């Protein structure tokens, strides 16, 4: 496994690995909902070590906004010796 690798999990989530190949965290399966609390199609894209959540808004009308997307972030404290240096609770990023 490549150091610092980012890979998809079986449910569409994303898993982060450290230089030793140990799982250190990730994002749960992506989700998004419109203003009426209806699911909106979404997925993660991986670009190197960057993760982007892509939300398909092509079938939404202005009344369907705002769209909320906040997949859970997890950090595996039991396997990493790093320090959590930054965490944004809205799910945008976690830096270990």
N, C-alpha and C. Protein backbone atom coordinates (compact mmCIF):
# COMPACT_ATOMS: atom_id res chain seq x y z
N UNK A 1 0.84 -1.17 0.00
CA UNK A 1 0.00 0.00 0.00
C UNK A 1 0.89 1.24 0.00
N UNK A 2 0.51 2.25 -0.76
CA UNK A 2 1.26 3.49 -0.85
C UNK A 2 1.10 4.31 0.43
N UNK A 3 2.18 4.93 0.87
CA UNK A 3 2.12 5.78 2.07
C UNK A 3 1.10 6.89 1.89
N UNK A 4 0.29 7.09 2.92
CA UNK A 4 -0.71 8.15 2.86
C UNK A 4 -1.82 7.88 1.88
N UNK A 5 -2.10 6.63 1.60
CA UNK A 5 -3.08 6.27 0.58
C UNK A 5 -4.51 6.56 1.02
N UNK A 6 -5.32 6.99 0.06
CA UNK A 6 -6.75 7.23 0.26
C UNK A 6 -7.49 6.26 -0.65
N UNK A 7 -8.38 5.44 -0.10
CA UNK A 7 -9.09 4.44 -0.90
C UNK A 7 -10.57 4.43 -0.54
N UNK A 8 -11.37 3.90 -1.47
CA UNK A 8 -12.80 3.75 -1.21
C UNK A 8 -13.05 2.56 -0.30
N UNK A 9 -14.03 2.70 0.59
CA UNK A 9 -14.47 1.56 1.39
C UNK A 9 -15.60 0.87 0.63
N UNK A 10 -16.06 -0.24 1.12
CA UNK A 10 -17.09 -1.00 0.42
C UNK A 10 -18.43 -0.30 0.30
N UNK A 11 -18.71 0.67 1.18
CA UNK A 11 -20.01 1.34 1.16
C UNK A 11 -19.98 2.70 0.47
N UNK A 12 -18.88 3.01 -0.21
CA UNK A 12 -18.76 4.31 -0.88
C UNK A 12 -18.07 5.36 -0.05
N UNK A 13 -17.75 5.02 1.19
CA UNK A 13 -16.98 5.93 2.03
C UNK A 13 -15.52 5.94 1.59
N UNK A 14 -14.70 6.63 2.35
CA UNK A 14 -13.28 6.76 2.02
C UNK A 14 -12.47 6.45 3.27
N UNK A 15 -11.35 5.73 3.08
CA UNK A 15 -10.47 5.35 4.18
C UNK A 15 -9.09 5.96 3.93
N UNK A 16 -8.50 6.54 4.99
CA UNK A 16 -7.15 7.11 4.92
C UNK A 16 -6.18 6.16 5.61
N UNK A 17 -5.00 5.98 5.01
CA UNK A 17 -3.96 5.13 5.58
C UNK A 17 -2.70 5.95 5.82
N UNK A 18 -1.96 5.60 6.89
CA UNK A 18 -0.69 6.28 7.16
C UNK A 18 0.43 5.63 6.36
N UNK A 19 1.67 6.09 6.59
CA UNK A 19 2.82 5.59 5.84
C UNK A 19 3.06 4.10 6.08
N UNK A 20 2.61 3.58 7.22
CA UNK A 20 2.77 2.15 7.52
C UNK A 20 1.64 1.31 6.95
N UNK A 21 0.67 1.96 6.30
CA UNK A 21 -0.46 1.24 5.73
C UNK A 21 -1.60 1.01 6.70
N UNK A 22 -1.49 1.57 7.90
CA UNK A 22 -2.54 1.41 8.91
C UNK A 22 -3.69 2.39 8.64
N UNK A 23 -4.90 1.92 8.86
CA UNK A 23 -6.07 2.79 8.71
C UNK A 23 -6.06 3.82 9.83
N UNK A 24 -6.14 5.10 9.45
CA UNK A 24 -6.10 6.16 10.47
C UNK A 24 -7.38 6.99 10.51
N UNK A 25 -8.28 6.77 9.58
CA UNK A 25 -9.54 7.52 9.60
C UNK A 25 -10.20 7.51 8.25
N UNK A 26 -11.20 8.36 8.11
CA UNK A 26 -11.88 8.44 6.82
C UNK A 26 -13.23 9.13 6.94
N UNK A 27 -13.99 8.98 5.88
CA UNK A 27 -15.35 9.49 5.81
C UNK A 27 -16.31 8.32 5.65
N UNK A 28 -17.43 8.34 6.36
CA UNK A 28 -18.48 7.34 6.16
C UNK A 28 -19.10 7.57 4.78
N UNK A 29 -19.99 6.69 4.39
CA UNK A 29 -20.64 6.81 3.08
C UNK A 29 -21.23 8.21 2.91
N UNK A 30 -21.09 8.80 1.72
CA UNK A 30 -21.59 10.16 1.52
C UNK A 30 -23.11 10.20 1.47
N UNK A 31 -23.65 11.32 1.89
CA UNK A 31 -25.10 11.54 1.78
C UNK A 31 -25.33 13.02 1.57
N UNK A 32 -26.48 13.33 1.01
CA UNK A 32 -26.90 14.72 0.83
C UNK A 32 -28.42 14.74 0.82
N UNK A 33 -29.00 15.83 1.33
CA UNK A 33 -30.46 15.99 1.34
C UNK A 33 -30.81 17.40 0.93
N UNK A 34 -31.96 17.52 0.25
CA UNK A 34 -32.40 18.85 -0.17
C UNK A 34 -33.19 19.52 0.95
N UNK A 35 -33.73 20.70 0.66
CA UNK A 35 -34.45 21.48 1.67
C UNK A 35 -35.70 20.78 2.19
N UNK A 36 -36.21 19.83 1.41
CA UNK A 36 -37.39 19.08 1.83
C UNK A 36 -37.01 17.74 2.46
N UNK A 37 -35.72 17.59 2.79
CA UNK A 37 -35.18 16.39 3.43
C UNK A 37 -35.22 15.15 2.55
N UNK A 38 -35.21 15.36 1.24
CA UNK A 38 -35.17 14.23 0.29
C UNK A 38 -33.72 13.94 -0.09
N UNK A 39 -33.37 12.66 -0.26
CA UNK A 39 -32.00 12.33 -0.65
C UNK A 39 -31.64 12.93 -2.02
N UNK A 40 -30.40 13.37 -2.14
CA UNK A 40 -29.87 13.89 -3.39
C UNK A 40 -28.69 12.99 -3.77
N UNK A 41 -28.60 12.54 -5.03
CA UNK A 41 -27.48 11.66 -5.42
C UNK A 41 -26.13 12.33 -5.16
N UNK A 42 -25.23 11.56 -4.57
CA UNK A 42 -23.90 12.08 -4.25
C UNK A 42 -22.89 10.95 -4.23
N UNK A 43 -21.63 11.32 -4.34
CA UNK A 43 -20.54 10.33 -4.30
C UNK A 43 -19.25 11.05 -3.93
N UNK A 44 -18.26 10.28 -3.53
CA UNK A 44 -16.92 10.83 -3.33
C UNK A 44 -16.10 10.57 -4.57
N UNK A 45 -15.25 11.52 -4.93
CA UNK A 45 -14.21 11.34 -5.94
C UNK A 45 -12.87 11.50 -5.24
N UNK A 46 -11.91 10.67 -5.61
CA UNK A 46 -10.57 10.77 -5.05
C UNK A 46 -9.64 11.28 -6.14
N UNK A 47 -8.89 12.33 -5.82
CA UNK A 47 -7.91 12.92 -6.73
C UNK A 47 -6.58 12.96 -5.99
N UNK A 48 -5.77 11.91 -6.16
CA UNK A 48 -4.53 11.82 -5.39
C UNK A 48 -4.86 11.62 -3.93
N UNK A 49 -4.49 12.58 -3.10
CA UNK A 49 -4.80 12.51 -1.67
C UNK A 49 -5.93 13.47 -1.30
N UNK A 50 -6.63 13.96 -2.28
CA UNK A 50 -7.77 14.84 -2.03
C UNK A 50 -9.07 14.08 -2.26
N UNK A 51 -10.04 14.38 -1.42
CA UNK A 51 -11.36 13.77 -1.53
C UNK A 51 -12.37 14.88 -1.79
N UNK A 52 -13.19 14.69 -2.81
CA UNK A 52 -14.22 15.66 -3.15
C UNK A 52 -15.58 14.97 -3.06
N UNK A 53 -16.54 15.61 -2.42
CA UNK A 53 -17.90 15.10 -2.46
C UNK A 53 -18.61 15.80 -3.61
N UNK A 54 -19.09 15.00 -4.54
CA UNK A 54 -19.79 15.51 -5.73
C UNK A 54 -21.28 15.28 -5.53
N UNK A 55 -22.05 16.34 -5.65
CA UNK A 55 -23.50 16.26 -5.46
C UNK A 55 -24.18 16.59 -6.77
N UNK A 56 -25.05 15.69 -7.22
CA UNK A 56 -25.77 15.89 -8.48
C UNK A 56 -27.01 16.74 -8.22
N UNK A 57 -26.93 18.01 -8.58
CA UNK A 57 -28.05 18.93 -8.38
C UNK A 57 -28.82 19.18 -9.67
N UNK A 58 -28.56 18.39 -10.70
CA UNK A 58 -29.15 18.64 -12.02
C UNK A 58 -30.67 18.55 -12.03
N UNK A 59 -31.26 17.78 -11.14
CA UNK A 59 -32.72 17.63 -11.12
C UNK A 59 -33.39 18.49 -10.04
N UNK A 60 -32.64 19.38 -9.42
CA UNK A 60 -33.20 20.22 -8.37
C UNK A 60 -33.68 21.56 -8.91
N UNK A 61 -34.69 22.10 -8.27
CA UNK A 61 -35.19 23.43 -8.60
C UNK A 61 -34.69 24.40 -7.52
N UNK A 62 -34.80 25.70 -7.74
CA UNK A 62 -34.36 26.64 -6.71
C UNK A 62 -35.04 26.41 -5.35
N UNK A 63 -36.27 25.92 -5.36
CA UNK A 63 -36.98 25.66 -4.10
C UNK A 63 -36.39 24.47 -3.34
N UNK A 64 -35.59 23.63 -4.01
CA UNK A 64 -34.99 22.47 -3.36
C UNK A 64 -33.73 22.81 -2.56
N UNK A 65 -33.23 24.03 -2.71
CA UNK A 65 -32.02 24.45 -2.00
C UNK A 65 -32.38 25.08 -0.67
N UNK A 66 -31.54 25.02 0.33
CA UNK A 66 -30.16 24.54 0.28
C UNK A 66 -30.08 23.02 0.35
N UNK A 67 -28.97 22.50 -0.13
CA UNK A 67 -28.66 21.08 -0.03
C UNK A 67 -27.66 20.92 1.12
N UNK A 68 -27.92 19.94 1.98
CA UNK A 68 -27.05 19.67 3.11
C UNK A 68 -26.29 18.38 2.84
N UNK A 69 -24.98 18.41 3.06
CA UNK A 69 -24.12 17.23 2.93
C UNK A 69 -23.12 17.26 4.08
N UNK A 70 -23.16 16.27 4.93
CA UNK A 70 -22.28 16.27 6.10
C UNK A 70 -21.96 14.84 6.52
N UNK A 71 -21.25 14.08 5.68
CA UNK A 71 -20.95 12.69 6.05
C UNK A 71 -20.04 12.65 7.27
N UNK A 72 -20.26 11.69 8.15
CA UNK A 72 -19.42 11.60 9.35
C UNK A 72 -17.95 11.37 9.02
N UNK A 73 -17.09 12.04 9.78
CA UNK A 73 -15.64 11.85 9.71
C UNK A 73 -15.25 11.01 10.91
N UNK A 74 -14.34 10.07 10.71
CA UNK A 74 -13.87 9.32 11.86
C UNK A 74 -12.35 9.29 11.86
N UNK A 75 -11.79 9.24 13.04
CA UNK A 75 -10.35 9.15 13.23
C UNK A 75 -10.10 7.94 14.10
N UNK A 76 -9.23 7.06 13.66
CA UNK A 76 -8.93 5.84 14.39
C UNK A 76 -7.80 6.13 15.38
N UNK A 77 -8.15 6.55 16.58
CA UNK A 77 -7.16 6.89 17.59
C UNK A 77 -6.36 5.69 18.08
N UNK A 78 -6.91 4.50 17.94
CA UNK A 78 -6.23 3.33 18.49
C UNK A 78 -5.07 2.87 17.64
N UNK A 79 -5.00 3.28 16.39
CA UNK A 79 -3.93 2.82 15.51
C UNK A 79 -2.93 3.89 15.11
N UNK A 80 -3.17 5.11 15.48
CA UNK A 80 -2.28 6.17 15.04
C UNK A 80 -1.56 6.80 16.23
N UNK A 81 -0.33 7.20 16.00
CA UNK A 81 0.41 7.89 17.05
C UNK A 81 0.45 9.39 16.76
N UNK A 82 -0.22 9.81 15.70
CA UNK A 82 -0.25 11.22 15.33
C UNK A 82 -1.17 12.00 16.25
N UNK A 83 -1.18 13.28 16.05
CA UNK A 83 -2.03 14.17 16.82
C UNK A 83 -3.03 14.82 15.89
N UNK A 84 -4.27 14.87 16.31
CA UNK A 84 -5.29 15.54 15.52
C UNK A 84 -5.02 17.03 15.60
N UNK A 85 -4.63 17.61 14.48
CA UNK A 85 -4.26 19.03 14.47
C UNK A 85 -5.38 19.92 13.98
N UNK A 86 -6.33 19.34 13.27
CA UNK A 86 -7.42 20.16 12.76
C UNK A 86 -8.61 19.28 12.46
N UNK A 87 -9.77 19.73 12.87
CA UNK A 87 -10.99 19.00 12.60
C UNK A 87 -12.10 20.01 12.44
N UNK A 88 -12.82 19.91 11.36
CA UNK A 88 -13.93 20.81 11.12
C UNK A 88 -15.21 19.99 11.25
N UNK A 89 -16.06 20.26 12.24
CA UNK A 89 -17.20 19.39 12.53
C UNK A 89 -18.25 19.33 11.44
N UNK A 90 -18.20 20.20 10.45
CA UNK A 90 -19.17 20.09 9.37
C UNK A 90 -18.75 19.06 8.34
N UNK A 91 -17.66 18.31 8.61
CA UNK A 91 -17.27 17.21 7.74
C UNK A 91 -16.37 17.60 6.60
N UNK A 92 -15.90 18.82 6.51
CA UNK A 92 -15.09 19.22 5.37
C UNK A 92 -13.69 18.64 5.42
N UNK A 93 -13.06 18.57 6.59
CA UNK A 93 -11.73 18.01 6.62
C UNK A 93 -11.29 17.58 8.01
N UNK A 94 -10.33 16.69 8.02
CA UNK A 94 -9.64 16.30 9.25
C UNK A 94 -8.18 16.14 8.89
N UNK A 95 -7.28 16.73 9.62
CA UNK A 95 -5.85 16.63 9.37
C UNK A 95 -5.20 15.89 10.52
N UNK A 96 -4.46 14.83 10.21
CA UNK A 96 -3.81 14.04 11.25
C UNK A 96 -2.31 14.14 11.07
